[in-house]
Amino acid sequence: MKNASATTPPLKPVEFLILLMLVDAPCHGYGIMLSVDAATDGAVRLDAGNLYRSLRKFQREGFVAKIERRAAPESDDERRQYYALTPRGRQAATDEARRIEGLLRLEPAHRLLHGEPPS
């Protein structure tokens, strides 16, 4: 299945989750880990090594950028590094969401989720 509008290659599921956590607002690494855990009801737990490897990769690819952001300096750890989604990163997340949406459109014909597949 080819999507003519996609401009980026498919993302790994964990990479897509990381970008999704940055769609609405910048966040620090630990916050991303907590957000993924909460969003998936604990089904996906990022370890720090994989998260920061992905964030470094995303920085090289221009998907995220480190930013200076401390909403409440007295309650924030100054060592935290915040990451923001770039326009290119938003496009990569959008492309992946569209790719997944296209795949999910195929499911009803095969009834994997609701009922037995045709014999």
N, C-alpha and C. Protein backbone atom coordinates (compact mmCIF):
# COMPACT_ATOMS: atom_id res chain seq x y z
N MET A 1 0.85 -1.17 0.00
CA MET A 1 0.00 0.00 0.00
C MET A 1 0.89 1.23 0.00
N LYS A 2 0.78 2.03 -1.00
CA LYS A 2 1.63 3.20 -1.12
C LYS A 2 0.80 4.46 -0.96
N ASN A 3 1.29 5.39 -0.17
CA ASN A 3 0.61 6.66 0.06
C ASN A 3 1.40 7.74 -0.67
N ALA A 4 0.83 8.28 -1.72
CA ALA A 4 1.53 9.26 -2.54
C ALA A 4 1.84 10.54 -1.78
N SER A 5 1.05 10.85 -0.74
CA SER A 5 1.27 12.09 -0.01
C SER A 5 2.32 11.96 1.08
N ALA A 6 2.72 10.74 1.43
CA ALA A 6 3.71 10.56 2.48
C ALA A 6 5.08 11.03 2.01
N THR A 7 5.73 11.79 2.88
CA THR A 7 7.04 12.30 2.52
C THR A 7 8.14 11.68 3.36
N THR A 8 7.78 10.92 4.37
CA THR A 8 8.78 10.30 5.23
C THR A 8 8.56 8.79 5.27
N PRO A 9 9.62 8.04 5.48
CA PRO A 9 9.46 6.58 5.59
C PRO A 9 8.68 6.23 6.85
N PRO A 10 8.13 5.02 6.91
CA PRO A 10 7.38 4.62 8.10
C PRO A 10 8.24 4.71 9.36
N LEU A 11 7.59 5.03 10.46
CA LEU A 11 8.26 5.10 11.76
C LEU A 11 8.03 3.81 12.52
N LYS A 12 8.93 3.51 13.43
CA LYS A 12 8.70 2.40 14.36
C LYS A 12 7.58 2.85 15.30
N PRO A 13 6.78 1.91 15.82
CA PRO A 13 5.68 2.30 16.71
C PRO A 13 6.12 3.18 17.88
N VAL A 14 7.24 2.85 18.51
CA VAL A 14 7.72 3.65 19.64
C VAL A 14 8.11 5.05 19.18
N GLU A 15 8.70 5.16 18.02
CA GLU A 15 9.07 6.48 17.50
C GLU A 15 7.82 7.32 17.27
N PHE A 16 6.79 6.70 16.71
CA PHE A 16 5.53 7.40 16.48
C PHE A 16 4.95 7.89 17.80
N LEU A 17 4.98 7.05 18.83
CA LEU A 17 4.47 7.45 20.14
C LEU A 17 5.24 8.65 20.70
N ILE A 18 6.54 8.64 20.55
CA ILE A 18 7.35 9.76 21.05
C ILE A 18 6.94 11.06 20.35
N LEU A 19 6.82 11.01 19.02
CA LEU A 19 6.40 12.22 18.30
C LEU A 19 5.00 12.64 18.70
N LEU A 20 4.10 11.68 18.89
CA LEU A 20 2.73 12.01 19.30
C LEU A 20 2.73 12.77 20.63
N MET A 21 3.60 12.40 21.55
CA MET A 21 3.63 13.05 22.85
C MET A 21 4.10 14.50 22.76
N LEU A 22 4.71 14.87 21.63
CA LEU A 22 5.20 16.24 21.45
C LEU A 22 4.29 17.09 20.56
N VAL A 23 3.21 16.51 20.05
CA VAL A 23 2.34 17.24 19.12
C VAL A 23 1.73 18.48 19.77
N ASP A 24 1.24 18.35 21.00
CA ASP A 24 0.54 19.47 21.63
C ASP A 24 1.43 20.46 22.35
N ALA A 25 2.59 20.00 22.82
CA ALA A 25 3.46 20.91 23.58
C ALA A 25 4.84 20.28 23.74
N PRO A 26 5.86 21.13 23.88
CA PRO A 26 7.20 20.61 24.16
C PRO A 26 7.20 19.87 25.50
N CYS A 27 8.15 18.99 25.67
CA CYS A 27 8.21 18.20 26.90
C CYS A 27 9.66 17.75 27.13
N HIS A 28 9.98 17.44 28.36
CA HIS A 28 11.30 16.88 28.68
C HIS A 28 11.21 15.36 28.58
N GLY A 29 12.36 14.72 28.51
CA GLY A 29 12.42 13.28 28.29
C GLY A 29 11.62 12.47 29.29
N TYR A 30 11.78 12.78 30.58
CA TYR A 30 11.05 12.02 31.59
C TYR A 30 9.55 12.21 31.42
N GLY A 31 9.14 13.42 31.06
CA GLY A 31 7.72 13.68 30.82
C GLY A 31 7.19 12.88 29.64
N ILE A 32 8.02 12.71 28.61
CA ILE A 32 7.63 11.90 27.45
C ILE A 32 7.42 10.45 27.90
N MET A 33 8.35 9.95 28.72
CA MET A 33 8.24 8.58 29.23
C MET A 33 6.93 8.39 30.01
N LEU A 34 6.61 9.34 30.88
CA LEU A 34 5.39 9.25 31.67
C LEU A 34 4.15 9.35 30.78
N SER A 35 4.20 10.22 29.77
CA SER A 35 3.06 10.40 28.87
C SER A 35 2.78 9.15 28.06
N VAL A 36 3.84 8.51 27.56
CA VAL A 36 3.67 7.26 26.80
C VAL A 36 3.08 6.19 27.71
N ASP A 37 3.59 6.08 28.91
CA ASP A 37 3.08 5.09 29.86
C ASP A 37 1.59 5.33 30.12
N ALA A 38 1.21 6.57 30.37
CA ALA A 38 -0.19 6.89 30.66
C ALA A 38 -1.08 6.68 29.42
N ALA A 39 -0.61 7.12 28.26
CA ALA A 39 -1.41 7.03 27.04
C ALA A 39 -1.67 5.57 26.63
N THR A 40 -0.76 4.68 26.99
CA THR A 40 -0.90 3.27 26.60
C THR A 40 -1.34 2.40 27.77
N ASP A 41 -1.79 3.03 28.86
CA ASP A 41 -2.19 2.30 30.07
C ASP A 41 -1.12 1.31 30.52
N GLY A 42 0.13 1.73 30.39
CA GLY A 42 1.25 0.91 30.85
C GLY A 42 1.70 -0.17 29.90
N ALA A 43 1.04 -0.28 28.74
CA ALA A 43 1.42 -1.33 27.78
C ALA A 43 2.78 -1.05 27.15
N VAL A 44 3.14 0.23 27.04
CA VAL A 44 4.45 0.61 26.49
C VAL A 44 5.18 1.41 27.55
N ARG A 45 6.32 0.91 27.94
CA ARG A 45 7.17 1.62 28.91
C ARG A 45 8.52 1.85 28.26
N LEU A 46 8.80 3.11 28.00
CA LEU A 46 10.07 3.45 27.38
C LEU A 46 11.19 3.41 28.41
N ASP A 47 12.31 2.85 28.01
CA ASP A 47 13.47 2.97 28.89
C ASP A 47 14.26 4.19 28.42
N ALA A 48 14.99 4.77 29.34
CA ALA A 48 15.69 6.02 29.06
C ALA A 48 16.64 5.90 27.87
N GLY A 49 17.35 4.79 27.78
CA GLY A 49 18.31 4.62 26.68
C GLY A 49 17.65 4.70 25.32
N ASN A 50 16.57 3.95 25.14
CA ASN A 50 15.87 3.97 23.85
C ASN A 50 15.24 5.33 23.56
N LEU A 51 14.67 5.94 24.59
CA LEU A 51 14.05 7.26 24.40
C LEU A 51 15.09 8.27 23.92
N TYR A 52 16.20 8.37 24.61
CA TYR A 52 17.19 9.39 24.25
C TYR A 52 17.90 9.07 22.94
N ARG A 53 18.05 7.79 22.62
CA ARG A 53 18.57 7.43 21.29
C ARG A 53 17.61 7.92 20.20
N SER A 54 16.32 7.70 20.42
CA SER A 54 15.32 8.15 19.45
C SER A 54 15.31 9.67 19.35
N LEU A 55 15.41 10.36 20.48
CA LEU A 55 15.42 11.82 20.44
C LEU A 55 16.65 12.36 19.72
N ARG A 56 17.81 11.73 19.92
CA ARG A 56 19.02 12.16 19.19
C ARG A 56 18.83 11.92 17.69
N LYS A 57 18.27 10.78 17.33
CA LYS A 57 18.00 10.49 15.92
C LYS A 57 17.03 11.52 15.35
N PHE A 58 15.98 11.84 16.09
CA PHE A 58 15.01 12.83 15.63
C PHE A 58 15.65 14.21 15.48
N GLN A 59 16.59 14.54 16.36
CA GLN A 59 17.29 15.82 16.20
C GLN A 59 18.11 15.83 14.91
N ARG A 60 18.83 14.75 14.64
CA ARG A 60 19.63 14.67 13.41
C ARG A 60 18.74 14.78 12.17
N GLU A 61 17.55 14.16 12.24
CA GLU A 61 16.62 14.18 11.10
C GLU A 61 15.81 15.47 11.02
N GLY A 62 15.94 16.33 12.02
CA GLY A 62 15.19 17.58 12.02
C GLY A 62 13.75 17.44 12.44
N PHE A 63 13.41 16.35 13.15
CA PHE A 63 12.03 16.12 13.61
C PHE A 63 11.75 16.81 14.94
N VAL A 64 12.77 16.92 15.78
CA VAL A 64 12.62 17.61 17.07
C VAL A 64 13.81 18.54 17.26
N ALA A 65 13.59 19.52 18.12
CA ALA A 65 14.67 20.45 18.47
C ALA A 65 14.67 20.62 19.98
N LYS A 66 15.86 20.74 20.56
CA LYS A 66 15.96 21.08 21.98
C LYS A 66 15.59 22.55 22.13
N ILE A 67 14.86 22.84 23.18
CA ILE A 67 14.49 24.23 23.43
C ILE A 67 14.73 24.57 24.89
N GLU A 68 14.82 25.85 25.17
CA GLU A 68 14.91 26.33 26.54
C GLU A 68 13.49 26.57 27.01
N ARG A 69 13.05 25.79 27.99
CA ARG A 69 11.69 25.97 28.48
C ARG A 69 11.61 25.50 29.91
N ARG A 70 11.27 26.40 30.76
CA ARG A 70 11.06 26.05 32.15
C ARG A 70 9.87 26.87 32.62
N ALA A 71 8.70 26.25 32.58
CA ALA A 71 7.45 26.94 32.93
C ALA A 71 7.50 27.50 34.35
N ALA A 72 7.89 26.70 35.29
CA ALA A 72 7.96 27.13 36.68
C ALA A 72 9.34 26.73 37.21
N PRO A 73 10.33 27.62 37.04
CA PRO A 73 11.71 27.26 37.40
C PRO A 73 11.86 26.68 38.80
N GLU A 74 11.07 27.14 39.76
CA GLU A 74 11.21 26.62 41.12
C GLU A 74 10.76 25.17 41.25
N SER A 75 9.90 24.70 40.34
CA SER A 75 9.42 23.32 40.43
C SER A 75 10.02 22.43 39.34
N ASP A 76 10.93 22.97 38.56
CA ASP A 76 11.51 22.20 37.47
C ASP A 76 12.99 21.95 37.75
N ASP A 77 13.46 20.80 37.33
CA ASP A 77 14.87 20.45 37.48
C ASP A 77 15.63 21.12 36.34
N GLU A 78 16.62 21.92 36.66
CA GLU A 78 17.35 22.66 35.63
C GLU A 78 18.11 21.75 34.67
N ARG A 79 18.30 20.48 35.05
CA ARG A 79 19.00 19.55 34.17
C ARG A 79 18.11 19.02 33.04
N ARG A 80 16.81 19.21 33.18
CA ARG A 80 15.90 18.68 32.17
C ARG A 80 16.09 19.40 30.84
N GLN A 81 16.09 18.60 29.80
CA GLN A 81 16.17 19.15 28.45
C GLN A 81 14.81 18.97 27.79
N TYR A 82 14.29 20.06 27.26
CA TYR A 82 12.98 20.03 26.63
C TYR A 82 13.13 19.85 25.13
N TYR A 83 12.17 19.17 24.56
CA TYR A 83 12.16 18.89 23.13
C TYR A 83 10.84 19.38 22.55
N ALA A 84 10.94 19.97 21.36
CA ALA A 84 9.75 20.45 20.66
C ALA A 84 9.71 19.81 19.28
N LEU A 85 8.52 19.53 18.83
CA LEU A 85 8.32 18.99 17.50
C LEU A 85 8.55 20.11 16.48
N THR A 86 9.30 19.83 15.45
CA THR A 86 9.52 20.80 14.37
C THR A 86 8.44 20.59 13.30
N PRO A 87 8.32 21.51 12.35
CA PRO A 87 7.37 21.28 11.25
C PRO A 87 7.65 19.96 10.52
N ARG A 88 8.92 19.64 10.34
CA ARG A 88 9.28 18.37 9.69
C ARG A 88 8.85 17.17 10.54
N GLY A 89 9.00 17.28 11.85
CA GLY A 89 8.56 16.22 12.76
C GLY A 89 7.05 16.07 12.77
N ARG A 90 6.34 17.19 12.72
CA ARG A 90 4.88 17.14 12.64
C ARG A 90 4.46 16.44 11.34
N GLN A 91 5.16 16.73 10.25
CA GLN A 91 4.85 16.09 8.98
C GLN A 91 5.11 14.58 9.06
N ALA A 92 6.21 14.19 9.70
CA ALA A 92 6.52 12.76 9.84
C ALA A 92 5.43 12.06 10.66
N ALA A 93 4.98 12.70 11.74
CA ALA A 93 3.92 12.11 12.57
C ALA A 93 2.61 12.03 11.78
N THR A 94 2.31 13.07 11.03
CA THR A 94 1.09 13.08 10.20
C THR A 94 1.15 12.00 9.14
N ASP A 95 2.29 11.87 8.48
CA ASP A 95 2.45 10.83 7.46
C ASP A 95 2.23 9.45 8.07
N GLU A 96 2.78 9.22 9.26
CA GLU A 96 2.64 7.92 9.91
C GLU A 96 1.19 7.67 10.31
N ALA A 97 0.52 8.69 10.83
CA ALA A 97 -0.89 8.54 11.21
C ALA A 97 -1.74 8.20 9.98
N ARG A 98 -1.45 8.85 8.87
CA ARG A 98 -2.19 8.55 7.64
C ARG A 98 -1.90 7.14 7.13
N ARG A 99 -0.65 6.71 7.26
CA ARG A 99 -0.28 5.36 6.84
C ARG A 99 -1.03 4.33 7.68
N ILE A 100 -1.07 4.55 8.99
CA ILE A 100 -1.77 3.63 9.89
C ILE A 100 -3.27 3.66 9.61
N GLU A 101 -3.80 4.84 9.40
CA GLU A 101 -5.24 4.97 9.09
C GLU A 101 -5.58 4.18 7.81
N GLY A 102 -4.73 4.27 6.82
CA GLY A 102 -4.95 3.53 5.57
C GLY A 102 -4.95 2.03 5.79
N LEU A 103 -4.04 1.56 6.63
CA LEU A 103 -4.00 0.13 6.94
C LEU A 103 -5.25 -0.31 7.70
N LEU A 104 -5.69 0.54 8.62
CA LEU A 104 -6.87 0.18 9.41
C LEU A 104 -8.15 0.14 8.58
N ARG A 105 -8.17 0.88 7.49
CA ARG A 105 -9.34 0.83 6.61
C ARG A 105 -9.52 -0.55 6.00
N LEU A 106 -8.44 -1.32 5.93
CA LEU A 106 -8.50 -2.67 5.37
C LEU A 106 -9.09 -3.69 6.35
N GLU A 107 -9.02 -3.41 7.62
CA GLU A 107 -9.40 -4.39 8.65
C GLU A 107 -10.85 -4.84 8.56
N PRO A 108 -11.85 -3.98 8.40
CA PRO A 108 -13.24 -4.47 8.41
C PRO A 108 -13.51 -5.58 7.40
N ALA A 109 -12.87 -5.54 6.26
CA ALA A 109 -13.09 -6.58 5.25
C ALA A 109 -12.59 -7.94 5.74
N HIS A 110 -11.67 -7.94 6.67
CA HIS A 110 -11.09 -9.18 7.17
C HIS A 110 -11.59 -9.55 8.56
N ARG A 111 -12.32 -8.66 9.16
CA ARG A 111 -12.97 -8.88 10.47
C ARG A 111 -12.05 -9.46 11.54
N LEU A 112 -10.87 -8.90 11.66
CA LEU A 112 -9.96 -9.35 12.72
C LEU A 112 -10.44 -8.92 14.09
N LEU A 113 -11.00 -7.74 14.17
CA LEU A 113 -11.38 -7.19 15.48
C LEU A 113 -12.81 -7.53 15.87
N HIS A 114 -13.70 -7.69 14.91
CA HIS A 114 -15.11 -7.88 15.20
C HIS A 114 -15.69 -9.02 14.36
N GLY A 115 -15.55 -10.22 14.85
CA GLY A 115 -16.13 -11.35 14.15
C GLY A 115 -15.09 -12.20 13.46
N GLU A 116 -15.54 -13.33 12.99
CA GLU A 116 -14.66 -14.28 12.32
C GLU A 116 -14.41 -13.86 10.87
N PRO A 117 -13.18 -14.08 10.39
CA PRO A 117 -12.91 -13.79 8.97
C PRO A 117 -13.69 -14.75 8.08
N PRO A 118 -13.98 -14.33 6.84
CA PRO A 118 -14.69 -15.22 5.93
C PRO A 118 -13.88 -16.49 5.67
N SER A 119 -14.55 -17.61 5.49
CA SER A 119 -13.87 -18.89 5.23
C SER A 119 -13.51 -19.02 3.79
